[in-house]
């Protein structure tokens, strides 16, 4: 009988631990769903603001949407039917919301093409450039932080280089890279998007200033992490300074850098507009510049909404990564239960 009671008592902690783990996983899932819901709310606000901007813009809405295109009764009738301008305002808004939800951004009457198809063909080059620039930024920041953290002279040199990169506009850095590596050394193509080599210089021009900012934040976090008690324990195991920074300190230092990276994604998207123009690349930047110069408002609105979607997606991803990296940020009730 005593043996049976002992068996029950021994099983109780394991059962409680199993229930706690299930509950903890559910708490993390709920936090992630909250972040996703917040992102969808921000995206809805961006779409709503774009609709309000059209309604509040000075002048006739039809004239705004036509832009520099020749105004004819047929074009006016097509715009009024597409935007439902003869309907009540709430109906116009709901129609616009439904169209955007289905990926229908209307028609460019200047380019005489559907905007959805135009954006779809130009989105991939911009995403390639943004992703490549983000990889360059992360690699530069991690290398700079690990190689210079806690070392006075390398830290001073890296800080000076980072300050220079931060202060240099991406288009000016792009021109310098073109002059050195394309015009002088002839290692990379001057313009276009023919192959992977054409992506190298634009990615460095766009990613290095971002990497400089992340490198400063990551180095500060890494130096603080190296002063924590766990660092002394790892050193007592005989681990080298490089292993301590890379395998143990980097995770603790990455939290503020991850948050900053999510915020700076917007800078990547805006910087891509100028960078694509400097390097003669296709992409959303090129069609945005052309749309602004030709007053093609529907294209500008579509690019703005799509940029908001990408920014919200990246910000939501960063929030989710933050929850995974730092369990302390999960709800207080979970912490009290622990």
C-alpha atoms as a PDB file:
ATOM      1  CA  UNK A   1       0.000   0.000   0.000  1.00  0.00           C
ATOM      2  CA  UNK A   2       2.818   2.345   0.896  1.00  0.00           C
ATOM      3  CA  UNK A   3       4.532   1.475  -2.362  1.00  0.00           C
ATOM      4  CA  UNK A   4       1.388   2.385  -4.302  1.00  0.00           C
ATOM      5  CA  UNK A   5       1.109   5.715  -2.492  1.00  0.00           C
ATOM      6  CA  UNK A   6       4.755   6.446  -3.215  1.00  0.00           C
ATOM      7  CA  UNK A   7       4.171   5.680  -6.887  1.00  0.00           C
ATOM      8  CA  UNK A   8       1.262   8.138  -6.999  1.00  0.00           C
ATOM      9  CA  UNK A   9       3.282  10.876  -5.326  1.00  0.00           C
ATOM     10  CA  UNK A  10       6.221  10.278  -7.652  1.00  0.00           C
ATOM     11  CA  UNK A  11       3.933  10.572 -10.683  1.00  0.00           C
ATOM     12  CA  UNK A  12       2.300  13.813  -9.488  1.00  0.00           C
ATOM     13  CA  UNK A  13       5.258  16.151 -10.181  1.00  0.00           C
ATOM     14  CA  UNK A  14       5.703  14.660 -13.651  1.00  0.00           C
ATOM     15  CA  UNK A  15       2.014  15.145 -14.430  1.00  0.00           C
ATOM     16  CA  UNK A  16       2.125  18.745 -13.200  1.00  0.00           C
ATOM     17  CA  UNK A  17       5.233  19.398 -15.280  1.00  0.00           C
ATOM     18  CA  UNK A  18       3.540  17.974 -18.379  1.00  0.00           C
ATOM     19  CA  UNK A  19       0.456  20.145 -17.828  1.00  0.00           C
ATOM     20  CA  UNK A  20       2.638  23.189 -17.273  1.00  0.00           C
ATOM     21  CA  UNK A  21       4.523  22.609 -20.493  1.00  0.00           C
ATOM     22  CA  UNK A  22       1.274  22.280 -22.440  1.00  0.00           C
ATOM     23  CA  UNK A  23      -0.063  25.445 -20.834  1.00  0.00           C
ATOM     24  CA  UNK A  24       3.179  27.276 -21.517  1.00  0.00           C
ATOM     25  CA  UNK A  25       3.020  26.288 -25.199  1.00  0.00           C
ATOM     26  CA  UNK A  26      -0.578  27.501 -25.329  1.00  0.00           C
ATOM     27  CA  UNK A  27       0.405  30.812 -23.723  1.00  0.00           C
ATOM     28  CA  UNK A  28       3.107  31.351 -26.335  1.00  0.00           C
ATOM     29  CA  UNK A  29       0.631  30.526 -29.116  1.00  0.00           C
ATOM     30  CA  UNK A  30      -1.859  33.065 -27.752  1.00  0.00           C
ATOM     31  CA  UNK A  31       0.850  35.735 -27.596  1.00  0.00           C
ATOM     32  CA  UNK A  32       1.800  35.038 -31.211  1.00  0.00           C
ATOM     33  CA  UNK A  33      -1.855  35.278 -32.280  1.00  0.00           C
ATOM     34  CA  UNK A  34      -2.112  38.629 -30.505  1.00  0.00           C
ATOM     35  CA  UNK A  35       0.923  39.907 -32.431  1.00  0.00           C
ATOM     36  CA  UNK A  36      -0.547  38.704 -35.728  1.00  0.00           C
ATOM     37  CA  UNK A  37      -3.864  40.354 -34.902  1.00  0.00           C
ATOM     38  CA  UNK A  38      -2.084  43.630 -34.140  1.00  0.00           C
ATOM     39  CA  UNK A  39      -0.286  43.424 -37.475  1.00  0.00           C
ATOM     40  CA  UNK A  40      -3.559  42.917 -39.342  1.00  0.00           C
ATOM     41  CA  UNK A  41      -5.023  45.928 -37.529  1.00  0.00           C
ATOM     42  CA  UNK A  42      -2.098  48.109 -38.613  1.00  0.00           C
ATOM     43  CA  UNK A  43      -2.477  46.899 -42.199  1.00  0.00           C
ATOM     44  CA  UNK A  44      -6.192  47.717 -42.152  1.00  0.00           C
ATOM     45  CA  UNK A  45      -5.332  51.201 -40.875  1.00  0.00           C
ATOM     46  CA  UNK A  46      -2.849  51.694 -43.740  1.00  0.00           C
ATOM     47  CA  UNK A  47      -5.464  50.726 -46.339  1.00  0.00           C
ATOM     48  CA  UNK A  48      -8.039  52.982 -44.681  1.00  0.00           C
ATOM     49  CA  UNK A  49      -5.643  55.928 -44.617  1.00  0.00           C
ATOM     50  CA  UNK A  50      -4.920  55.482 -48.314  1.00  0.00           C
ATOM     51  CA  UNK A  51      -8.655  55.669 -49.054  1.00  0.00           C
ATOM     52  CA  UNK A  52      -9.039  58.754 -46.844  1.00  0.00           C
ATOM     53  CA  UNK A  53      -6.067  60.410 -48.564  1.00  0.00           C
ATOM     54  CA  UNK A  54      -7.787  60.088 -51.941  1.00  0.00           C
ATOM     55  CA  UNK A  55     -11.041  61.479 -50.572  1.00  0.00           C
ATOM     56  CA  UNK A  56      -9.390  64.467 -48.853  1.00  0.00           C
ATOM     57  CA  UNK A  57      -6.981  65.349 -51.662  1.00  0.00           C
ATOM     58  CA  UNK A  58      -7.734  68.721 -53.252  1.00  0.00           C
ATOM     59  CA  UNK A  59      -9.447  68.619 -56.614  1.00  0.00           C
ATOM     60  CA  UNK A  60     -11.666  66.145 -58.395  1.00  0.00           C
ATOM     61  CA  UNK A  61     -11.024  62.471 -57.602  1.00  0.00           C
ATOM     62  CA  UNK A  62     -11.364  61.540 -61.266  1.00  0.00           C
ATOM     63  CA  UNK A  63      -8.683  64.074 -62.207  1.00  0.00           C
ATOM     64  CA  UNK A  64      -6.392  62.723 -59.496  1.00  0.00           C
ATOM     65  CA  UNK A  65      -6.749  59.161 -60.704  1.00  0.00           C
ATOM     66  CA  UNK A  66      -6.342  60.028 -64.375  1.00  0.00           C
ATOM     67  CA  UNK A  67      -3.124  61.940 -63.740  1.00  0.00           C
ATOM     68  CA  UNK A  68      -1.492  63.132 -66.968  1.00  0.00           C
ATOM     69  CA  UNK A  69      -3.581  60.800 -69.138  1.00  0.00           C
ATOM     70  CA  UNK A  70      -5.866  62.427 -71.704  1.00  0.00           C
ATOM     71  CA  UNK A  71      -9.272  62.892 -70.103  1.00  0.00           C
ATOM     72  CA  UNK A  72     -12.102  61.403 -72.163  1.00  0.00           C
ATOM     73  CA  UNK A  73     -15.706  60.517 -71.264  1.00  0.00           C
ATOM     74  CA  UNK A  74     -14.880  56.816 -71.627  1.00  0.00           C
ATOM     75  CA  UNK A  75     -11.979  57.009 -69.171  1.00  0.00           C
ATOM     76  CA  UNK A  76     -14.065  59.034 -66.708  1.00  0.00           C
ATOM     77  CA  UNK A  77     -16.868  56.489 -66.865  1.00  0.00           C
ATOM     78  CA  UNK A  78     -14.418  53.620 -66.294  1.00  0.00           C
ATOM     79  CA  UNK A  79     -12.939  55.330 -63.218  1.00  0.00           C
ATOM     80  CA  UNK A  80     -16.329  56.132 -61.742  1.00  0.00           C
ATOM     81  CA  UNK A  81     -17.421  52.519 -62.208  1.00  0.00           C
ATOM     82  CA  UNK A  82     -14.177  51.113 -60.796  1.00  0.00           C
ATOM     83  CA  UNK A  83     -14.179  53.302 -57.693  1.00  0.00           C
ATOM     84  CA  UNK A  84     -17.966  53.441 -57.321  1.00  0.00           C
ATOM     85  CA  UNK A  85     -17.955  57.234 -57.186  1.00  0.00           C
ATOM     86  CA  UNK A  86     -21.695  57.361 -57.759  1.00  0.00           C
ATOM     87  CA  UNK A  87     -22.245  55.287 -54.590  1.00  0.00           C
ATOM     88  CA  UNK A  88     -22.407  56.465 -50.945  1.00  0.00           C
ATOM     89  CA  UNK A  89     -19.032  56.998 -49.268  1.00  0.00           C
ATOM     90  CA  UNK A  90     -19.324  53.944 -47.014  1.00  0.00           C
ATOM     91  CA  UNK A  91     -20.083  51.773 -50.055  1.00  0.00           C
ATOM     92  CA  UNK A  92     -17.038  53.195 -51.829  1.00  0.00           C
ATOM     93  CA  UNK A  93     -14.895  52.363 -48.795  1.00  0.00           C
ATOM     94  CA  UNK A  94     -16.176  48.815 -48.464  1.00  0.00           C
ATOM     95  CA  UNK A  95     -15.711  48.232 -52.192  1.00  0.00           C
ATOM     96  CA  UNK A  96     -12.160  49.554 -52.014  1.00  0.00           C
ATOM     97  CA  UNK A  97     -11.420  47.409 -48.963  1.00  0.00           C
ATOM     98  CA  UNK A  98     -12.751  44.308 -50.693  1.00  0.00           C
ATOM     99  CA  UNK A  99     -10.704  44.972 -53.817  1.00  0.00           C
ATOM    100  CA  UNK A 100      -7.471  45.416 -51.851  1.00  0.00           C
ATOM    101  CA  UNK A 101      -8.236  42.306 -49.822  1.00  0.00           C
ATOM    102  CA  UNK A 102      -8.414  40.333 -53.074  1.00  0.00           C
ATOM    103  CA  UNK A 103      -5.195  41.904 -54.389  1.00  0.00           C
ATOM    104  CA  UNK A 104      -6.977  44.128 -56.899  1.00  0.00           C
ATOM    105  CA  UNK A 105      -5.375  47.601 -56.917  1.00  0.00           C
ATOM    106  CA  UNK A 106      -7.274  48.846 -59.929  1.00  0.00           C
ATOM    107  CA  UNK A 107      -5.869  50.091 -63.217  1.00  0.00           C
ATOM    108  CA  UNK A 108      -3.208  52.598 -64.175  1.00  0.00           C
ATOM    109  CA  UNK A 109      -4.745  54.790 -66.845  1.00  0.00           C
ATOM    110  CA  UNK A 110      -1.376  56.333 -67.657  1.00  0.00           C
ATOM    111  CA  UNK A 111       0.370  52.995 -68.252  1.00  0.00           C
ATOM    112  CA  UNK A 112      -2.830  51.347 -69.537  1.00  0.00           C
ATOM    113  CA  UNK A 113      -2.296  48.209 -67.445  1.00  0.00           C
ATOM    114  CA  UNK A 114      -3.613  46.476 -64.342  1.00  0.00           C
ATOM    115  CA  UNK A 115      -1.654  47.581 -61.291  1.00  0.00           C
ATOM    116  CA  UNK A 116      -1.702  44.151 -59.656  1.00  0.00           C
ATOM    117  CA  UNK A 117       0.139  42.595 -62.582  1.00  0.00           C
ATOM    118  CA  UNK A 118       2.570  45.508 -62.761  1.00  0.00           C
ATOM    119  CA  UNK A 119       3.391  45.297 -59.048  1.00  0.00           C
ATOM    120  CA  UNK A 120       3.698  41.509 -59.177  1.00  0.00           C
ATOM    121  CA  UNK A 121       6.344  41.665 -61.911  1.00  0.00           C
ATOM    122  CA  UNK A 122       8.365  44.315 -60.068  1.00  0.00           C
ATOM    123  CA  UNK A 123       8.031  42.987 -56.534  1.00  0.00           C
ATOM    124  CA  UNK A 124      10.469  40.075 -56.867  1.00  0.00           C
ATOM    125  CA  UNK A 125      13.536  42.209 -57.771  1.00  0.00           C
ATOM    126  CA  UNK A 126      12.830  44.514 -54.813  1.00  0.00           C
ATOM    127  CA  UNK A 127      12.379  41.595 -52.410  1.00  0.00           C
ATOM    128  CA  UNK A 128      15.636  40.072 -53.693  1.00  0.00           C
ATOM    129  CA  UNK A 129      17.474  43.336 -53.090  1.00  0.00           C
ATOM    130  CA  UNK A 130      15.939  43.840 -49.643  1.00  0.00           C
ATOM    131  CA  UNK A 131      16.687  40.261 -48.558  1.00  0.00           C
ATOM    132  CA  UNK A 132      20.266  40.457 -49.833  1.00  0.00           C
ATOM    133  CA  UNK A 133      20.792  43.798 -48.078  1.00  0.00           C
ATOM    134  CA  UNK A 134      19.423  42.351 -44.838  1.00  0.00           C
ATOM    135  CA  UNK A 135      21.847  39.407 -45.081  1.00  0.00           C
ATOM    136  CA  UNK A 136      24.740  41.827 -45.649  1.00  0.00           C
ATOM    137  CA  UNK A 137      23.635  43.916 -42.662  1.00  0.00           C
ATOM    138  CA  UNK A 138      23.340  40.931 -40.317  1.00  0.00           C
ATOM    139  CA  UNK A 139      26.680  39.405 -41.352  1.00  0.00           C
ATOM    140  CA  UNK A 140      28.451  42.751 -41.025  1.00  0.00           C
ATOM    141  CA  UNK A 141      26.894  43.450 -37.619  1.00  0.00           C
ATOM    142  CA  UNK A 142      27.645  40.000 -36.186  1.00  0.00           C
ATOM    143  CA  UNK A 143      31.232  39.982 -37.465  1.00  0.00           C
ATOM    144  CA  UNK A 144      31.876  43.507 -36.219  1.00  0.00           C
ATOM    145  CA  UNK A 145      30.428  42.803 -32.777  1.00  0.00           C
ATOM    146  CA  UNK A 146      32.179  39.469 -32.207  1.00  0.00           C
ATOM    147  CA  UNK A 147      35.591  40.603 -33.467  1.00  0.00           C
ATOM    148  CA  UNK A 148      35.662  43.924 -31.577  1.00  0.00           C
ATOM    149  CA  UNK A 149      33.626  43.477 -28.374  1.00  0.00           C
ATOM    150  CA  UNK A 150      35.818  43.954 -25.308  1.00  0.00           C
ATOM    151  CA  UNK A 151      38.874  44.958 -27.374  1.00  0.00           C
ATOM    152  CA  UNK A 152      39.750  48.638 -27.122  1.00  0.00           C
ATOM    153  CA  UNK A 153      41.618  49.386 -30.374  1.00  0.00           C
ATOM    154  CA  UNK A 154      39.501  47.204 -32.716  1.00  0.00           C
ATOM    155  CA  UNK A 155      36.406  48.641 -31.060  1.00  0.00           C
ATOM    156  CA  UNK A 156      37.536  52.208 -31.749  1.00  0.00           C
ATOM    157  CA  UNK A 157      38.340  51.409 -35.396  1.00  0.00           C
ATOM    158  CA  UNK A 158      35.021  49.630 -35.913  1.00  0.00           C
ATOM    159  CA  UNK A 159      33.103  52.477 -34.262  1.00  0.00           C
ATOM    160  CA  UNK A 160      34.717  55.011 -36.608  1.00  0.00           C
ATOM    161  CA  UNK A 161      33.903  52.880 -39.661  1.00  0.00           C
ATOM    162  CA  UNK A 162      30.314  52.365 -38.496  1.00  0.00           C
ATOM    163  CA  UNK A 163      29.845  56.082 -37.878  1.00  0.00           C
ATOM    164  CA  UNK A 164      31.095  56.798 -41.391  1.00  0.00           C
ATOM    165  CA  UNK A 165      28.713  54.258 -42.919  1.00  0.00           C
ATOM    166  CA  UNK A 166      25.748  55.552 -40.922  1.00  0.00           C
ATOM    167  CA  UNK A 167      26.483  59.118 -42.040  1.00  0.00           C
ATOM    168  CA  UNK A 168      26.798  58.160 -45.717  1.00  0.00           C
ATOM    169  CA  UNK A 169      23.554  58.108 -47.753  1.00  0.00           C
ATOM    170  CA  UNK A 170      22.962  54.803 -49.506  1.00  0.00           C
ATOM    171  CA  UNK A 171      22.876  56.440 -52.965  1.00  0.00           C
ATOM    172  CA  UNK A 172      26.272  58.102 -52.385  1.00  0.00           C
ATOM    173  CA  UNK A 173      27.726  54.835 -51.116  1.00  0.00           C
ATOM    174  CA  UNK A 174      26.298  53.166 -54.214  1.00  0.00           C
ATOM    175  CA  UNK A 175      28.020  55.706 -56.483  1.00  0.00           C
ATOM    176  CA  UNK A 176      31.357  55.090 -54.715  1.00  0.00           C
ATOM    177  CA  UNK A 177      30.955  51.326 -55.074  1.00  0.00           C
ATOM    178  CA  UNK A 178      30.135  51.726 -58.758  1.00  0.00           C
ATOM    179  CA  UNK A 179      33.185  53.921 -59.329  1.00  0.00           C
ATOM    180  CA  UNK A 180      35.573  51.500 -57.612  1.00  0.00           C
ATOM    181  CA  UNK A 181      34.227  48.060 -58.456  1.00  0.00           C
ATOM    182  CA  UNK A 182      32.433  48.656 -61.760  1.00  0.00           C
ATOM    183  CA  UNK A 183      34.121  51.541 -63.579  1.00  0.00           C
ATOM    184  CA  UNK A 184      37.668  51.055 -62.260  1.00  0.00           C
ATOM    185  CA  UNK A 185      38.106  47.377 -61.414  1.00  0.00           C
ATOM    186  CA  UNK A 186      35.295  46.177 -63.719  1.00  0.00           C
ATOM    187  CA  UNK A 187      34.381  43.362 -61.327  1.00  0.00           C
ATOM    188  CA  UNK A 188      30.612  43.909 -61.285  1.00  0.00           C
ATOM    189  CA  UNK A 189      28.072  45.123 -63.855  1.00  0.00           C
ATOM    190  CA  UNK A 190      27.054  48.754 -63.777  1.00  0.00           C
ATOM    191  CA  UNK A 191      23.293  48.244 -63.985  1.00  0.00           C
ATOM    192  CA  UNK A 192      20.513  45.754 -64.560  1.00  0.00           C
ATOM    193  CA  UNK A 193      19.455  42.507 -62.908  1.00  0.00           C
ATOM    194  CA  UNK A 194      20.843  39.918 -65.282  1.00  0.00           C
ATOM    195  CA  UNK A 195      22.572  37.650 -62.751  1.00  0.00           C
ATOM    196  CA  UNK A 196      23.663  37.351 -59.127  1.00  0.00           C
ATOM    197  CA  UNK A 197      26.717  39.557 -59.634  1.00  0.00           C
ATOM    198  CA  UNK A 198      24.433  42.501 -60.444  1.00  0.00           C
ATOM    199  CA  UNK A 199      22.926  42.159 -56.948  1.00  0.00           C
ATOM    200  CA  UNK A 200      26.198  42.434 -55.002  1.00  0.00           C
ATOM    201  CA  UNK A 201      26.888  46.179 -55.136  1.00  0.00           C
ATOM    202  CA  UNK A 202      23.262  47.294 -54.555  1.00  0.00           C
ATOM    203  CA  UNK A 203      22.997  44.917 -51.584  1.00  0.00           C
ATOM    204  CA  UNK A 204      26.184  46.314 -50.021  1.00  0.00           C
ATOM    205  CA  UNK A 205      25.138  49.912 -50.690  1.00  0.00           C
ATOM    206  CA  UNK A 206      21.787  49.335 -49.006  1.00  0.00           C
ATOM    207  CA  UNK A 207      22.877  46.904 -46.278  1.00  0.00           C
ATOM    208  CA  UNK A 208      26.125  48.365 -44.911  1.00  0.00           C
ATOM    209  CA  UNK A 209      24.573  51.479 -43.259  1.00  0.00           C
ATOM    210  CA  UNK A 210      21.955  49.258 -41.621  1.00  0.00           C
ATOM    211  CA  UNK A 211      24.662  46.799 -40.564  1.00  0.00           C
ATOM    212  CA  UNK A 212      26.611  49.650 -38.978  1.00  0.00           C
ATOM    213  CA  UNK A 213      23.652  50.584 -36.780  1.00  0.00           C
ATOM    214  CA  UNK A 214      23.005  46.966 -35.812  1.00  0.00           C
ATOM    215  CA  UNK A 215      26.702  46.410 -35.153  1.00  0.00           C
ATOM    216  CA  UNK A 216      26.832  49.202 -32.583  1.00  0.00           C
ATOM    217  CA  UNK A 217      23.770  47.892 -30.758  1.00  0.00           C
ATOM    218  CA  UNK A 218      24.944  44.286 -30.927  1.00  0.00           C
ATOM    219  CA  UNK A 219      28.405  45.155 -29.609  1.00  0.00           C
ATOM    220  CA  UNK A 220      26.979  47.024 -26.622  1.00  0.00           C
ATOM    221  CA  UNK A 221      24.694  44.111 -25.805  1.00  0.00           C
ATOM    222  CA  UNK A 222      27.500  41.598 -26.219  1.00  0.00           C
ATOM    223  CA  UNK A 223      29.806  43.521 -23.888  1.00  0.00           C
ATOM    224  CA  UNK A 224      27.072  43.644 -21.250  1.00  0.00           C
ATOM    225  CA  UNK A 225      26.449  39.921 -21.692  1.00  0.00           C
ATOM    226  CA  UNK A 226      30.135  39.141 -21.151  1.00  0.00           C
ATOM    227  CA  UNK A 227      29.877  40.699 -17.687  1.00  0.00           C
ATOM    228  CA  UNK A 228      27.049  38.366 -16.633  1.00  0.00           C
ATOM    229  CA  UNK A 229      27.703  35.419 -14.269  1.00  0.00           C
ATOM    230  CA  UNK A 230      27.115  32.842 -17.018  1.00  0.00           C
ATOM    231  CA  UNK A 231      30.170  34.185 -18.888  1.00  0.00           C
ATOM    232  CA  UNK A 232      32.408  33.352 -15.922  1.00  0.00           C
ATOM    233  CA  UNK A 233      30.955  29.844 -15.830  1.00  0.00           C
ATOM    234  CA  UNK A 234      31.595  29.308 -19.535  1.00  0.00           C
ATOM    235  CA  UNK A 235      35.159  30.554 -19.168  1.00  0.00           C
ATOM    236  CA  UNK A 236      35.698  28.078 -16.318  1.00  0.00           C
ATOM    237  CA  UNK A 237      34.828  25.302 -18.756  1.00  0.00           C
ATOM    238  CA  UNK A 238      37.849  26.296 -20.821  1.00  0.00           C
ATOM    239  CA  UNK A 239      35.891  27.859 -23.685  1.00  0.00           C
ATOM    240  CA  UNK A 240      37.711  30.424 -25.827  1.00  0.00           C
ATOM    241  CA  UNK A 241      36.631  34.049 -26.017  1.00  0.00           C
ATOM    242  CA  UNK A 242      35.354  33.540 -29.576  1.00  0.00           C
ATOM    243  CA  UNK A 243      33.212  30.543 -28.578  1.00  0.00           C
ATOM    244  CA  UNK A 244      31.878  32.441 -25.554  1.00  0.00           C
ATOM    245  CA  UNK A 245      30.779  35.361 -27.741  1.00  0.00           C
ATOM    246  CA  UNK A 246      29.402  33.318 -30.628  1.00  0.00           C
ATOM    247  CA  UNK A 247      27.623  30.465 -28.845  1.00  0.00           C
ATOM    248  CA  UNK A 248      26.597  32.030 -25.545  1.00  0.00           C
ATOM    249  CA  UNK A 249      26.820  35.814 -25.511  1.00  0.00           C
ATOM    250  CA  UNK A 250      25.318  36.473 -28.933  1.00  0.00           C
ATOM    251  CA  UNK A 251      21.869  35.182 -27.992  1.00  0.00           C
ATOM    252  CA  UNK A 252      21.663  37.524 -25.001  1.00  0.00           C
ATOM    253  CA  UNK A 253      22.950  40.452 -27.055  1.00  0.00           C
ATOM    254  CA  UNK A 254      20.625  39.807 -29.989  1.00  0.00           C
ATOM    255  CA  UNK A 255      17.381  40.905 -28.317  1.00  0.00           C
ATOM    256  CA  UNK A 256      17.694  44.702 -28.780  1.00  0.00           C
ATOM    257  CA  UNK A 257      19.307  44.206 -32.191  1.00  0.00           C
ATOM    258  CA  UNK A 258      16.392  42.039 -33.356  1.00  0.00           C
ATOM    259  CA  UNK A 259      13.928  44.735 -32.308  1.00  0.00           C
ATOM    260  CA  UNK A 260      15.940  47.426 -34.091  1.00  0.00           C
ATOM    261  CA  UNK A 261      16.248  45.279 -37.220  1.00  0.00           C
ATOM    262  CA  UNK A 262      12.468  45.011 -37.461  1.00  0.00           C
ATOM    263  CA  UNK A 263      12.125  48.768 -37.184  1.00  0.00           C
ATOM    264  CA  UNK A 264      14.834  49.394 -39.792  1.00  0.00           C
ATOM    265  CA  UNK A 265      13.158  47.173 -42.393  1.00  0.00           C
ATOM    266  CA  UNK A 266      11.161  50.247 -43.361  1.00  0.00           C
ATOM    267  CA  UNK A 267      14.457  52.005 -44.094  1.00  0.00           C
ATOM    268  CA  UNK A 268      15.447  49.150 -46.378  1.00  0.00           C
ATOM    269  CA  UNK A 269      12.213  49.479 -48.351  1.00  0.00           C
ATOM    270  CA  UNK A 270      12.517  53.248 -48.680  1.00  0.00           C
ATOM    271  CA  UNK A 271      16.230  53.024 -49.462  1.00  0.00           C
ATOM    272  CA  UNK A 272      15.523  50.492 -52.193  1.00  0.00           C
ATOM    273  CA  UNK A 273      13.715  53.208 -54.161  1.00  0.00           C
ATOM    274  CA  UNK A 274      16.887  55.297 -54.532  1.00  0.00           C
ATOM    275  CA  UNK A 275      19.251  52.332 -54.761  1.00  0.00           C
ATOM    276  CA  UNK A 276      17.319  50.800 -57.657  1.00  0.00           C
ATOM    277  CA  UNK A 277      17.458  54.142 -59.473  1.00  0.00           C
ATOM    278  CA  UNK A 278      21.242  54.473 -58.937  1.00  0.00           C
ATOM    279  CA  UNK A 279      21.970  50.950 -60.181  1.00  0.00           C
ATOM    280  CA  UNK A 280      19.333  50.934 -62.925  1.00  0.00           C
ATOM    281  CA  UNK A 281      17.562  47.934 -61.436  1.00  0.00           C
ATOM    282  CA  UNK A 282      13.924  46.967 -62.001  1.00  0.00           C
ATOM    283  CA  UNK A 283      11.669  46.912 -58.982  1.00  0.00           C
ATOM    284  CA  UNK A 284       9.089  48.774 -56.963  1.00  0.00           C
ATOM    285  CA  UNK A 285      11.446  51.713 -56.575  1.00  0.00           C
ATOM    286  CA  UNK A 286      11.593  52.312 -60.305  1.00  0.00           C
ATOM    287  CA  UNK A 287       7.837  52.206 -60.843  1.00  0.00           C
ATOM    288  CA  UNK A 288       7.300  54.369 -57.728  1.00  0.00           C
ATOM    289  CA  UNK A 289       9.580  57.111 -59.055  1.00  0.00           C
ATOM    290  CA  UNK A 290       7.923  56.946 -62.469  1.00  0.00           C
ATOM    291  CA  UNK A 291       4.451  57.030 -60.873  1.00  0.00           C
ATOM    292  CA  UNK A 292       5.283  60.075 -58.740  1.00  0.00           C
ATOM    293  CA  UNK A 293       6.754  61.962 -61.684  1.00  0.00           C
ATOM    294  CA  UNK A 294       3.726  61.188 -63.882  1.00  0.00           C
ATOM    295  CA  UNK A 295       1.186  61.732 -61.049  1.00  0.00           C
ATOM    296  CA  UNK A 296      -0.052  58.141 -61.349  1.00  0.00           C
ATOM    297  CA  UNK A 297      -1.867  58.050 -57.996  1.00  0.00           C
ATOM    298  CA  UNK A 298      -3.279  54.481 -58.205  1.00  0.00           C
ATOM    299  CA  UNK A 299       0.232  53.057 -58.611  1.00  0.00           C
ATOM    300  CA  UNK A 300       1.555  55.149 -55.710  1.00  0.00           C
ATOM    301  CA  UNK A 301      -1.271  53.917 -53.467  1.00  0.00           C
ATOM    302  CA  UNK A 302      -0.667  50.293 -54.458  1.00  0.00           C
ATOM    303  CA  UNK A 303       3.062  50.523 -53.700  1.00  0.00           C
ATOM    304  CA  UNK A 304       2.353  52.231 -50.364  1.00  0.00           C
ATOM    305  CA  UNK A 305      -0.077  49.490 -49.327  1.00  0.00           C
ATOM    306  CA  UNK A 306       2.287  46.741 -50.438  1.00  0.00           C
ATOM    307  CA  UNK A 307       5.175  48.361 -48.540  1.00  0.00           C
ATOM    308  CA  UNK A 308       2.963  48.497 -45.464  1.00  0.00           C
ATOM    309  CA  UNK A 309       2.203  44.800 -45.875  1.00  0.00           C
ATOM    310  CA  UNK A 310       5.900  43.895 -46.062  1.00  0.00           C
ATOM    311  CA  UNK A 311       6.752  46.127 -43.104  1.00  0.00           C
ATOM    312  CA  UNK A 312       3.932  44.718 -40.965  1.00  0.00           C
ATOM    313  CA  UNK A 313       4.933  41.154 -41.854  1.00  0.00           C
ATOM    314  CA  UNK A 314       8.548  41.787 -40.859  1.00  0.00           C
ATOM    315  CA  UNK A 315       7.574  43.595 -37.661  1.00  0.00           C
ATOM    316  CA  UNK A 316       5.253  40.747 -36.680  1.00  0.00           C
ATOM    317  CA  UNK A 317       8.001  38.228 -37.386  1.00  0.00           C
ATOM    318  CA  UNK A 318      10.389  40.202 -35.181  1.00  0.00           C
ATOM    319  CA  UNK A 319       7.824  40.288 -32.358  1.00  0.00           C
ATOM    320  CA  UNK A 320       7.390  36.514 -32.587  1.00  0.00           C
ATOM    321  CA  UNK A 321      11.162  35.953 -32.589  1.00  0.00           C
ATOM    322  CA  UNK A 322      11.436  38.219 -29.563  1.00  0.00           C
ATOM    323  CA  UNK A 323       8.937  36.079 -27.661  1.00  0.00           C
ATOM    324  CA  UNK A 324      10.817  32.923 -28.595  1.00  0.00           C
ATOM    325  CA  UNK A 325      14.240  34.338 -27.681  1.00  0.00           C
ATOM    326  CA  UNK A 326      13.167  35.892 -24.383  1.00  0.00           C
ATOM    327  CA  UNK A 327      10.547  33.899 -22.421  1.00  0.00           C
ATOM    328  CA  UNK A 328      10.392  36.719 -19.844  1.00  0.00           C
ATOM    329  CA  UNK A 329       8.326  38.770 -22.282  1.00  0.00           C
ATOM    330  CA  UNK A 330       5.446  36.301 -22.189  1.00  0.00           C
ATOM    331  CA  UNK A 331       2.481  37.124 -20.031  1.00  0.00           C
ATOM    332  CA  UNK A 332       2.909  37.726 -16.312  1.00  0.00           C
ATOM    333  CA  UNK A 333       0.549  34.967 -15.342  1.00  0.00           C
ATOM    334  CA  UNK A 334       2.842  32.464 -17.004  1.00  0.00           C
ATOM    335  CA  UNK A 335       5.781  33.876 -15.063  1.00  0.00           C
ATOM    336  CA  UNK A 336       3.906  33.633 -11.763  1.00  0.00           C
ATOM    337  CA  UNK A 337       2.953  30.055 -12.529  1.00  0.00           C
ATOM    338  CA  UNK A 338       6.619  29.267 -13.140  1.00  0.00           C
END
